[in-house]
Amino acid sequence: MQWSKLKSRIKSLIAPELRDRIDIHLTSYRESHDGVDKVWVTIDGKRVFDCKHYVEERWVTAAFFSGLRGKEITSALADVGIHSPQHFGSAMRSYLDLPISEALKSSNPIVRAFAIVDRRVGKRALAKLDLSDCDHVLVKAFYDLRASTHV
């Protein structure tokens, strides 16, 4: 699915009162990384989350994740909050395929964050969320934004 179509489908699921406040941005270069170089999310124009390619991937891998390969590296980097644009795109496609109750419980912080601002999530479901064990910046930012609109 093309990024423009993916973005419009995601935006259509965001609660109406938040739709104009949240935006997904993308830069792309045909020569590198399957055309996608960087993805970032903004709230009211302020950047709250970035996904970019690891410019020094060999250094990062050698320094932090020696012995890991391929998908293990991507997973380990995501665990410490470093996401690639492909990881973001994959998470968004997964989010579109999941029932909202599953998306809210997802171990993927990108999926969970977008589920929090989903129009299908009501006040009671939002109140039941426990973020004490979640410290991902995007989840917290979207939760705070959504909670502020229900006051």
Foldseek 3Di string as FASTA:
>chain_A
DDPVVLQVVLLVQFAPVQSVQKHKDWAFDVVDDVGTAKIFMGGNNHTQAIAGDDPPLVVCCVVPPPPDDDVRSQVVCVVVRHHHVVRLVVLSVVLVVDDLVVQCVDPRLSSNLSSLRGNVDDPVNLVPDDCPVPDHRSNVVSSVVSVVVVD
